[in-house]
Amino acid sequence: MDITGLIVFLLIGALAGWIAGKVITGRGFGVLGNIVVGIVGAVLGGVMFRVLGLAATGLIGEIITATVGAIVLLYIVLLIKKV
């Protein structure tokens, strides 16, 4: 992965984490928190989409996959925190 790919990856992670934070908690988690949530969400979303037989391609597809995964991640974290 070259530097441009890394920057795009981090930006997608930050955007996905921010969107997920807005959807689940009504706020973001700061730049680093958004990136972490978005990257973990991207991995989770990728696994979920493959299991379901879905494919999201292109930049918009990557953002959607990462955002869906980040939303699921935050929802699971909220469920665990309530227990």
N, C-alpha and C. Protein backbone atom coordinates (compact mmCIF):
# COMPACT_ATOMS: atom_id res chain seq x y z
N MET A 1 0.86 -1.17 0.00
CA MET A 1 0.00 0.00 0.00
C MET A 1 0.91 1.23 0.00
N ASP A 2 0.67 2.10 -0.93
CA ASP A 2 1.46 3.32 -0.99
C ASP A 2 0.87 4.38 -0.05
N ILE A 3 1.52 5.50 0.03
CA ILE A 3 1.10 6.55 0.97
C ILE A 3 -0.29 7.10 0.62
N THR A 4 -0.60 7.19 -0.67
CA THR A 4 -1.92 7.68 -1.07
C THR A 4 -3.00 6.71 -0.63
N GLY A 5 -2.77 5.42 -0.82
CA GLY A 5 -3.73 4.41 -0.38
C GLY A 5 -3.93 4.44 1.13
N LEU A 6 -2.86 4.65 1.87
CA LEU A 6 -2.95 4.73 3.33
C LEU A 6 -3.77 5.94 3.75
N ILE A 7 -3.54 7.07 3.11
CA ILE A 7 -4.28 8.28 3.45
C ILE A 7 -5.77 8.10 3.14
N VAL A 8 -6.08 7.52 1.99
CA VAL A 8 -7.48 7.27 1.63
C VAL A 8 -8.11 6.31 2.63
N PHE A 9 -7.38 5.26 3.03
CA PHE A 9 -7.87 4.29 4.00
C PHE A 9 -8.19 4.98 5.33
N LEU A 10 -7.31 5.84 5.80
CA LEU A 10 -7.53 6.56 7.05
C LEU A 10 -8.69 7.55 6.95
N LEU A 11 -8.81 8.21 5.81
CA LEU A 11 -9.93 9.13 5.62
C LEU A 11 -11.27 8.41 5.58
N ILE A 12 -11.31 7.26 4.92
CA ILE A 12 -12.54 6.46 4.90
C ILE A 12 -12.88 6.00 6.32
N GLY A 13 -11.87 5.56 7.06
CA GLY A 13 -12.08 5.15 8.44
C GLY A 13 -12.61 6.29 9.30
N ALA A 14 -12.03 7.47 9.14
CA ALA A 14 -12.47 8.63 9.92
C ALA A 14 -13.90 9.00 9.57
N LEU A 15 -14.22 9.02 8.28
CA LEU A 15 -15.58 9.36 7.85
C LEU A 15 -16.59 8.33 8.35
N ALA A 16 -16.27 7.06 8.20
CA ALA A 16 -17.18 6.00 8.64
C ALA A 16 -17.38 6.03 10.15
N GLY A 17 -16.31 6.26 10.90
CA GLY A 17 -16.41 6.35 12.35
C GLY A 17 -17.24 7.53 12.79
N TRP A 18 -17.07 8.66 12.10
CA TRP A 18 -17.84 9.86 12.43
C TRP A 18 -19.32 9.65 12.15
N ILE A 19 -19.64 9.09 10.99
CA ILE A 19 -21.04 8.83 10.64
C ILE A 19 -21.66 7.86 11.63
N ALA A 20 -20.95 6.80 11.95
CA ALA A 20 -21.47 5.81 12.91
C ALA A 20 -21.69 6.44 14.28
N GLY A 21 -20.76 7.28 14.70
CA GLY A 21 -20.91 7.96 15.97
C GLY A 21 -22.13 8.86 15.99
N LYS A 22 -22.37 9.56 14.90
CA LYS A 22 -23.55 10.42 14.80
C LYS A 22 -24.84 9.60 14.83
N VAL A 23 -24.85 8.44 14.17
CA VAL A 23 -26.04 7.60 14.11
C VAL A 23 -26.33 6.97 15.47
N ILE A 24 -25.32 6.45 16.12
CA ILE A 24 -25.52 5.69 17.37
C ILE A 24 -25.56 6.59 18.60
N THR A 25 -24.62 7.52 18.73
CA THR A 25 -24.55 8.30 19.97
C THR A 25 -24.90 9.77 19.79
N GLY A 26 -25.02 10.23 18.56
CA GLY A 26 -25.33 11.63 18.31
C GLY A 26 -24.11 12.53 18.30
N ARG A 27 -22.92 11.95 18.41
CA ARG A 27 -21.69 12.73 18.37
C ARG A 27 -20.55 11.85 17.86
N GLY A 28 -19.48 12.47 17.49
CA GLY A 28 -18.30 11.73 17.04
C GLY A 28 -17.42 11.38 18.23
N PHE A 29 -16.24 10.82 17.94
CA PHE A 29 -15.33 10.39 19.00
C PHE A 29 -13.97 11.06 18.89
N GLY A 30 -13.89 12.16 18.17
CA GLY A 30 -12.60 12.79 17.91
C GLY A 30 -11.95 12.12 16.70
N VAL A 31 -10.94 12.73 16.18
CA VAL A 31 -10.32 12.24 14.94
C VAL A 31 -9.77 10.83 15.12
N LEU A 32 -8.96 10.61 16.14
CA LEU A 32 -8.37 9.28 16.33
C LEU A 32 -9.42 8.23 16.67
N GLY A 33 -10.36 8.58 17.50
CA GLY A 33 -11.43 7.64 17.84
C GLY A 33 -12.26 7.27 16.63
N ASN A 34 -12.58 8.25 15.80
CA ASN A 34 -13.34 7.99 14.57
C ASN A 34 -12.56 7.07 13.64
N ILE A 35 -11.25 7.30 13.51
CA ILE A 35 -10.44 6.46 12.64
C ILE A 35 -10.42 5.02 13.14
N VAL A 36 -10.23 4.84 14.44
CA VAL A 36 -10.19 3.49 15.01
C VAL A 36 -11.53 2.78 14.82
N VAL A 37 -12.62 3.46 15.17
CA VAL A 37 -13.95 2.88 15.01
C VAL A 37 -14.21 2.55 13.54
N GLY A 38 -13.82 3.45 12.65
CA GLY A 38 -14.03 3.24 11.23
C GLY A 38 -13.22 2.10 10.66
N ILE A 39 -11.97 1.96 11.08
CA ILE A 39 -11.12 0.87 10.58
C ILE A 39 -11.61 -0.47 11.08
N VAL A 40 -11.91 -0.55 12.36
CA VAL A 40 -12.45 -1.81 12.90
C VAL A 40 -13.81 -2.09 12.25
N GLY A 41 -14.60 -1.06 12.06
CA GLY A 41 -15.89 -1.22 11.39
C GLY A 41 -15.74 -1.67 9.95
N ALA A 42 -14.70 -1.20 9.26
CA ALA A 42 -14.46 -1.62 7.88
C ALA A 42 -14.16 -3.11 7.82
N VAL A 43 -13.37 -3.60 8.75
CA VAL A 43 -13.07 -5.03 8.79
C VAL A 43 -14.34 -5.82 9.10
N LEU A 44 -15.08 -5.39 10.11
CA LEU A 44 -16.32 -6.06 10.48
C LEU A 44 -17.34 -6.01 9.34
N GLY A 45 -17.48 -4.85 8.72
CA GLY A 45 -18.41 -4.70 7.61
C GLY A 45 -18.02 -5.57 6.43
N GLY A 46 -16.73 -5.66 6.14
CA GLY A 46 -16.26 -6.51 5.06
C GLY A 46 -16.59 -7.97 5.29
N VAL A 47 -16.40 -8.43 6.52
CA VAL A 47 -16.74 -9.81 6.86
C VAL A 47 -18.25 -10.03 6.76
N MET A 48 -19.02 -9.09 7.29
CA MET A 48 -20.48 -9.23 7.24
C MET A 48 -20.99 -9.26 5.80
N PHE A 49 -20.48 -8.36 4.96
CA PHE A 49 -20.92 -8.31 3.58
C PHE A 49 -20.57 -9.60 2.84
N ARG A 50 -19.37 -10.15 3.09
CA ARG A 50 -18.98 -11.42 2.44
C ARG A 50 -19.88 -12.56 2.88
N VAL A 51 -20.19 -12.63 4.18
CA VAL A 51 -21.05 -13.69 4.70
C VAL A 51 -22.44 -13.60 4.09
N LEU A 52 -22.93 -12.38 3.92
CA LEU A 52 -24.26 -12.18 3.35
C LEU A 52 -24.28 -12.25 1.82
N GLY A 53 -23.10 -12.38 1.23
CA GLY A 53 -23.02 -12.47 -0.23
C GLY A 53 -23.19 -11.14 -0.93
N LEU A 54 -22.93 -10.06 -0.22
CA LEU A 54 -23.06 -8.72 -0.79
C LEU A 54 -21.68 -8.21 -1.22
N ALA A 55 -21.68 -7.32 -2.17
CA ALA A 55 -20.42 -6.71 -2.61
C ALA A 55 -20.64 -5.22 -2.83
N ALA A 56 -19.81 -4.43 -2.21
CA ALA A 56 -19.85 -2.98 -2.40
C ALA A 56 -18.52 -2.58 -3.02
N THR A 57 -18.55 -2.02 -4.22
CA THR A 57 -17.32 -1.68 -4.91
C THR A 57 -17.16 -0.18 -5.04
N GLY A 58 -15.95 0.25 -5.26
CA GLY A 58 -15.67 1.66 -5.43
C GLY A 58 -15.56 2.38 -4.10
N LEU A 59 -15.27 3.64 -4.19
CA LEU A 59 -15.08 4.46 -2.99
C LEU A 59 -16.35 4.55 -2.15
N ILE A 60 -17.48 4.78 -2.79
CA ILE A 60 -18.75 4.87 -2.07
C ILE A 60 -19.07 3.53 -1.40
N GLY A 61 -18.81 2.44 -2.10
CA GLY A 61 -19.04 1.11 -1.53
C GLY A 61 -18.17 0.85 -0.32
N GLU A 62 -16.92 1.30 -0.37
CA GLU A 62 -16.03 1.14 0.78
C GLU A 62 -16.52 1.95 1.97
N ILE A 63 -16.99 3.16 1.71
CA ILE A 63 -17.51 4.00 2.79
C ILE A 63 -18.76 3.37 3.40
N ILE A 64 -19.65 2.85 2.56
CA ILE A 64 -20.87 2.20 3.05
C ILE A 64 -20.52 0.97 3.88
N THR A 65 -19.61 0.14 3.38
CA THR A 65 -19.21 -1.06 4.10
C THR A 65 -18.62 -0.71 5.46
N ALA A 66 -17.70 0.25 5.49
CA ALA A 66 -17.07 0.66 6.74
C ALA A 66 -18.08 1.27 7.70
N THR A 67 -19.01 2.06 7.19
CA THR A 67 -20.00 2.71 8.05
C THR A 67 -20.96 1.68 8.65
N VAL A 68 -21.44 0.76 7.84
CA VAL A 68 -22.33 -0.29 8.36
C VAL A 68 -21.61 -1.11 9.43
N GLY A 69 -20.37 -1.47 9.17
CA GLY A 69 -19.60 -2.23 10.16
C GLY A 69 -19.37 -1.44 11.43
N ALA A 70 -19.08 -0.13 11.30
CA ALA A 70 -18.86 0.70 12.48
C ALA A 70 -20.14 0.88 13.29
N ILE A 71 -21.28 0.99 12.61
CA ILE A 71 -22.55 1.10 13.33
C ILE A 71 -22.82 -0.18 14.11
N VAL A 72 -22.61 -1.32 13.49
CA VAL A 72 -22.80 -2.60 14.18
C VAL A 72 -21.83 -2.71 15.35
N LEU A 73 -20.58 -2.31 15.15
CA LEU A 73 -19.59 -2.34 16.24
C LEU A 73 -20.04 -1.49 17.41
N LEU A 74 -20.46 -0.26 17.15
CA LEU A 74 -20.89 0.62 18.24
C LEU A 74 -22.15 0.10 18.93
N TYR A 75 -23.05 -0.49 18.16
CA TYR A 75 -24.25 -1.07 18.76
C TYR A 75 -23.88 -2.21 19.71
N ILE A 76 -22.97 -3.07 19.30
CA ILE A 76 -22.51 -4.18 20.15
C ILE A 76 -21.84 -3.64 21.41
N VAL A 77 -21.01 -2.61 21.26
CA VAL A 77 -20.34 -2.01 22.41
C VAL A 77 -21.37 -1.42 23.38
N LEU A 78 -22.40 -0.77 22.88
CA LEU A 78 -23.45 -0.23 23.75
C LEU A 78 -24.19 -1.33 24.48
N LEU A 79 -24.46 -2.43 23.79
CA LEU A 79 -25.14 -3.57 24.43
C LEU A 79 -24.28 -4.15 25.56
N ILE A 80 -22.99 -4.25 25.32
CA ILE A 80 -22.09 -4.79 26.34
C ILE A 80 -21.98 -3.83 27.53
N LYS A 81 -21.94 -2.53 27.27
CA LYS A 81 -21.84 -1.56 28.35
C LYS A 81 -23.09 -1.54 29.23
N LYS A 82 -24.25 -1.88 28.67
CA LYS A 82 -25.49 -1.88 29.46
C LYS A 82 -25.58 -3.08 30.37
N VAL A 83 -24.84 -4.13 30.08
CA VAL A 83 -24.90 -5.36 30.89
C VAL A 83 -24.07 -5.25 32.12
